C-alpha atoms as a PDB file:
ATOM      1  CA  MET A   1     -17.354  11.644 -35.564  1.00  0.00           C
ATOM      2  CA  GLU A   2     -16.068  14.873 -33.971  1.00  0.00           C
ATOM      3  CA  LEU A   3     -15.610  14.942 -30.265  1.00  0.00           C
ATOM      4  CA  ILE A   4     -16.441  18.340 -28.690  1.00  0.00           C
ATOM      5  CA  VAL A   5     -15.384  18.990 -25.095  1.00  0.00           C
ATOM      6  CA  LYS A   6     -16.850  21.884 -23.301  1.00  0.00           C
ATOM      7  CA  GLN A   7     -17.634  23.090 -19.760  1.00  0.00           C
ATOM      8  CA  ILE A   8     -21.134  22.060 -18.637  1.00  0.00           C
ATOM      9  CA  SER A   9     -23.470  22.800 -15.717  1.00  0.00           C
ATOM     10  CA  LYS A  10     -23.981  20.541 -12.690  1.00  0.00           C
ATOM     11  CA  GLU A  11     -27.457  19.759 -13.960  1.00  0.00           C
ATOM     12  CA  GLU A  12     -26.076  18.557 -17.368  1.00  0.00           C
ATOM     13  CA  ALA A  13     -23.395  16.461 -15.538  1.00  0.00           C
ATOM     14  CA  SER A  14     -26.186  14.919 -13.460  1.00  0.00           C
ATOM     15  CA  SER A  15     -27.778  13.391 -16.482  1.00  0.00           C
ATOM     16  CA  LEU A  16     -24.900  10.871 -16.840  1.00  0.00           C
ATOM     17  CA  LEU A  17     -23.549  10.864 -13.259  1.00  0.00           C
ATOM     18  CA  ILE A  18     -26.704   9.891 -11.420  1.00  0.00           C
ATOM     19  CA  PRO A  19     -27.630   6.898 -13.525  1.00  0.00           C
ATOM     20  CA  TYR A  20     -24.172   5.590 -14.478  1.00  0.00           C
ATOM     21  CA  HIS A  21     -21.436   6.573 -11.967  1.00  0.00           C
ATOM     22  CA  TYR A  22     -21.097   3.956  -9.197  1.00  0.00           C
ATOM     23  CA  LEU A  23     -20.436   6.476  -6.373  1.00  0.00           C
ATOM     24  CA  THR A  24     -23.088   8.930  -7.526  1.00  0.00           C
ATOM     25  CA  LYS A  25     -25.708   6.211  -7.835  1.00  0.00           C
ATOM     26  CA  GLU A  26     -25.001   5.111  -4.254  1.00  0.00           C
ATOM     27  CA  SER A  27     -24.903   8.648  -2.808  1.00  0.00           C
ATOM     28  CA  LYS A  28     -27.351  10.490  -5.195  1.00  0.00           C
ATOM     29  CA  GLY A  29     -24.963  13.492  -5.125  1.00  0.00           C
ATOM     30  CA  PHE A  30     -21.656  14.736  -6.225  1.00  0.00           C
ATOM     31  CA  ARG A  31     -19.363  17.752  -5.762  1.00  0.00           C
ATOM     32  CA  SER A  32     -19.435  20.096  -8.622  1.00  0.00           C
ATOM     33  CA  GLY A  33     -16.661  22.342  -9.832  1.00  0.00           C
ATOM     34  CA  TYR A  34     -15.143  22.560 -13.248  1.00  0.00           C
ATOM     35  CA  ASN A  35     -17.460  20.161 -15.106  1.00  0.00           C
ATOM     36  CA  TYR A  36     -16.630  19.057 -18.652  1.00  0.00           C
ATOM     37  CA  GLY A  37     -18.751  17.134 -21.053  1.00  0.00           C
ATOM     38  CA  ALA A  38     -17.828  15.162 -24.154  1.00  0.00           C
ATOM     39  CA  PHE A  39     -20.284  15.588 -26.976  1.00  0.00           C
ATOM     40  CA  VAL A  40     -20.735  13.834 -30.282  1.00  0.00           C
ATOM     41  CA  ASN A  41     -23.542  15.248 -32.536  1.00  0.00           C
ATOM     42  CA  ASP A  42     -24.736  17.336 -29.549  1.00  0.00           C
ATOM     43  CA  LYS A  43     -25.218  14.197 -27.427  1.00  0.00           C
ATOM     44  CA  LEU A  44     -23.460  14.210 -24.032  1.00  0.00           C
ATOM     45  CA  LEU A  45     -21.464  10.989 -23.911  1.00  0.00           C
ATOM     46  CA  ALA A  46     -19.061  11.493 -20.989  1.00  0.00           C
ATOM     47  CA  VAL A  47     -18.500  13.776 -17.945  1.00  0.00           C
ATOM     48  CA  CYS A  48     -15.425  14.585 -15.909  1.00  0.00           C
ATOM     49  CA  ILE A  49     -15.413  16.931 -12.922  1.00  0.00           C
ATOM     50  CA  PHE A  50     -12.436  18.698 -11.358  1.00  0.00           C
ATOM     51  CA  HIS A  51     -12.958  20.291  -7.940  1.00  0.00           C
ATOM     52  CA  ASN A  52     -11.036  21.322  -4.789  1.00  0.00           C
ATOM     53  CA  PRO A  53      -9.543  18.339  -2.957  1.00  0.00           C
ATOM     54  CA  SER A  54     -12.055  16.349  -0.865  1.00  0.00           C
ATOM     55  CA  VAL A  55      -9.398  15.676   1.766  1.00  0.00           C
ATOM     56  CA  PRO A  56      -7.075  18.646   2.249  1.00  0.00           C
ATOM     57  CA  GLU A  57      -4.887  16.514   4.563  1.00  0.00           C
ATOM     58  CA  MET A  58      -4.072  14.379   1.647  1.00  0.00           C
ATOM     59  CA  VAL A  59      -2.591  17.376  -0.186  1.00  0.00           C
ATOM     60  CA  LYS A  60      -0.566  18.132   2.906  1.00  0.00           C
ATOM     61  CA  GLY A  61       0.698  14.571   2.920  1.00  0.00           C
ATOM     62  CA  CYS A  62       1.483  14.540  -0.802  1.00  0.00           C
ATOM     63  CA  PHE A  63       2.881  18.056  -1.279  1.00  0.00           C
ATOM     64  CA  GLY A  64       3.378  19.436   2.244  1.00  0.00           C
ATOM     65  CA  LEU A  65       0.885  22.254   1.551  1.00  0.00           C
ATOM     66  CA  GLY A  66      -1.367  23.560   4.308  1.00  0.00           C
ATOM     67  CA  ARG A  67      -5.057  24.306   3.706  1.00  0.00           C
ATOM     68  CA  LYS A  68      -4.312  27.979   2.821  1.00  0.00           C
ATOM     69  CA  GLU A  69      -1.574  26.973   0.323  1.00  0.00           C
ATOM     70  CA  GLN A  70      -3.703  24.623  -1.852  1.00  0.00           C
ATOM     71  CA  LYS A  71      -4.813  27.009  -4.552  1.00  0.00           C
ATOM     72  CA  GLY A  72      -4.293  25.316  -7.939  1.00  0.00           C
ATOM     73  CA  ILE A  73      -4.600  21.778  -6.521  1.00  0.00           C
ATOM     74  CA  PHE A  74      -7.554  19.873  -7.940  1.00  0.00           C
ATOM     75  CA  GLU A  75      -9.152  16.539  -7.654  1.00  0.00           C
ATOM     76  CA  LEU A  76     -10.593  14.609 -10.634  1.00  0.00           C
ATOM     77  CA  GLY A  77     -13.658  13.797  -8.588  1.00  0.00           C
ATOM     78  CA  ARG A  78     -15.864  12.094 -11.215  1.00  0.00           C
ATOM     79  CA  LEU A  79     -15.406  10.459 -14.609  1.00  0.00           C
ATOM     80  CA  VAL A  80     -18.182   8.594 -16.329  1.00  0.00           C
ATOM     81  CA  LYS A  81     -19.310   7.802 -19.858  1.00  0.00           C
ATOM     82  CA  TYR A  82     -22.582   6.593 -21.286  1.00  0.00           C
ATOM     83  CA  PRO A  83     -22.257   2.811 -21.319  1.00  0.00           C
ATOM     84  CA  ASP A  84     -22.549   2.357 -25.110  1.00  0.00           C
ATOM     85  CA  ALA A  85     -20.420   5.383 -26.036  1.00  0.00           C
ATOM     86  CA  SER A  86     -17.335   4.568 -28.056  1.00  0.00           C
ATOM     87  CA  ILE A  87     -15.033   7.427 -27.132  1.00  0.00           C
ATOM     88  CA  ILE A  88     -11.466   7.449 -25.885  1.00  0.00           C
ATOM     89  CA  LEU A  89     -11.810   8.533 -22.197  1.00  0.00           C
ATOM     90  CA  SER A  90      -8.087   9.362 -21.823  1.00  0.00           C
ATOM     91  CA  GLN A  91      -8.316  11.786 -24.678  1.00  0.00           C
ATOM     92  CA  PHE A  92     -11.399  13.300 -23.103  1.00  0.00           C
ATOM     93  CA  VAL A  93      -9.768  13.725 -19.703  1.00  0.00           C
ATOM     94  CA  ALA A  94      -6.547  15.200 -21.318  1.00  0.00           C
ATOM     95  CA  THR A  95      -8.707  17.736 -23.207  1.00  0.00           C
ATOM     96  CA  GLY A  96     -10.570  18.522 -20.035  1.00  0.00           C
ATOM     97  CA  ILE A  97      -7.300  19.205 -18.219  1.00  0.00           C
ATOM     98  CA  LYS A  98      -6.109  21.374 -21.087  1.00  0.00           C
ATOM     99  CA  GLN A  99      -9.317  23.394 -20.883  1.00  0.00           C
ATOM    100  CA  LEU A 100      -9.113  23.621 -17.031  1.00  0.00           C
ATOM    101  CA  ARG A 101      -5.541  25.080 -17.406  1.00  0.00           C
ATOM    102  CA  GLU A 102      -6.944  27.761 -19.744  1.00  0.00           C
ATOM    103  CA  VAL A 103      -9.431  29.043 -17.133  1.00  0.00           C
ATOM    104  CA  THR A 104      -7.530  28.661 -13.820  1.00  0.00           C
ATOM    105  CA  GLU A 105      -4.113  27.910 -12.397  1.00  0.00           C
ATOM    106  CA  VAL A 106      -3.382  24.159 -12.091  1.00  0.00           C
ATOM    107  CA  LYS A 107      -0.448  23.018  -9.968  1.00  0.00           C
ATOM    108  CA  ALA A 108      -1.482  19.415  -9.642  1.00  0.00           C
ATOM    109  CA  ILE A 109      -4.500  17.083 -10.021  1.00  0.00           C
ATOM    110  CA  LEU A 110      -5.203  14.199  -7.713  1.00  0.00           C
ATOM    111  CA  SER A 111      -7.357  11.260  -8.585  1.00  0.00           C
ATOM    112  CA  TYR A 112      -8.207   8.001  -6.867  1.00  0.00           C
ATOM    113  CA  ALA A 113      -9.076   4.615  -8.361  1.00  0.00           C
ATOM    114  CA  ASP A 114     -11.545   2.730  -6.081  1.00  0.00           C
ATOM    115  CA  SER A 115     -10.302  -0.876  -6.503  1.00  0.00           C
ATOM    116  CA  ARG A 116     -13.817  -2.171  -5.666  1.00  0.00           C
ATOM    117  CA  TYR A 117     -14.930  -0.915  -9.082  1.00  0.00           C
ATOM    118  CA  HIS A 118     -11.950  -0.286 -11.341  1.00  0.00           C
ATOM    119  CA  ILE A 119      -8.160  -0.384 -11.641  1.00  0.00           C
ATOM    120  CA  GLY A 120      -7.594   3.142 -12.949  1.00  0.00           C
ATOM    121  CA  TYR A 121      -6.416   2.361 -16.453  1.00  0.00           C
ATOM    122  CA  ILE A 122      -7.875   5.660 -17.814  1.00  0.00           C
ATOM    123  CA  TYR A 123      -6.017   7.611 -15.192  1.00  0.00           C
ATOM    124  CA  GLN A 124      -2.797   5.745 -15.975  1.00  0.00           C
ATOM    125  CA  ALA A 125      -3.207   6.443 -19.655  1.00  0.00           C
ATOM    126  CA  VAL A 126      -3.268  10.223 -18.856  1.00  0.00           C
ATOM    127  CA  ASN A 127      -0.082   9.752 -16.754  1.00  0.00           C
ATOM    128  CA  PHE A 128      -1.588   9.873 -13.263  1.00  0.00           C
ATOM    129  CA  LYS A 129       0.580   7.885 -10.836  1.00  0.00           C
END
């Protein structure tokens, strides 16, 4: 089973995000950006999306950077997998980050764990604090 990670369209990302991601199900929408998909045998099994920070004031608080100084700061805005998929999400996210760095400057990536739904173990496994 070879895992292929590649950039995908918003439409492709929607096929997993809308039915399976808790926030996307509630809102019926999501911010697109650098969208990555994990494929096995040409089947999309997971999606992660990196985009500009949703709350620029958070970047100012974390890094002291004003809105015009935030180039290279991203947010991991969505991460979801097909429920029965047996893939290592931390490996997928790490590969997505590596590919993101190949196409744009990355200074930092922010991510949030919504404790109503999860603890953030995948983020911790990729060394998010």
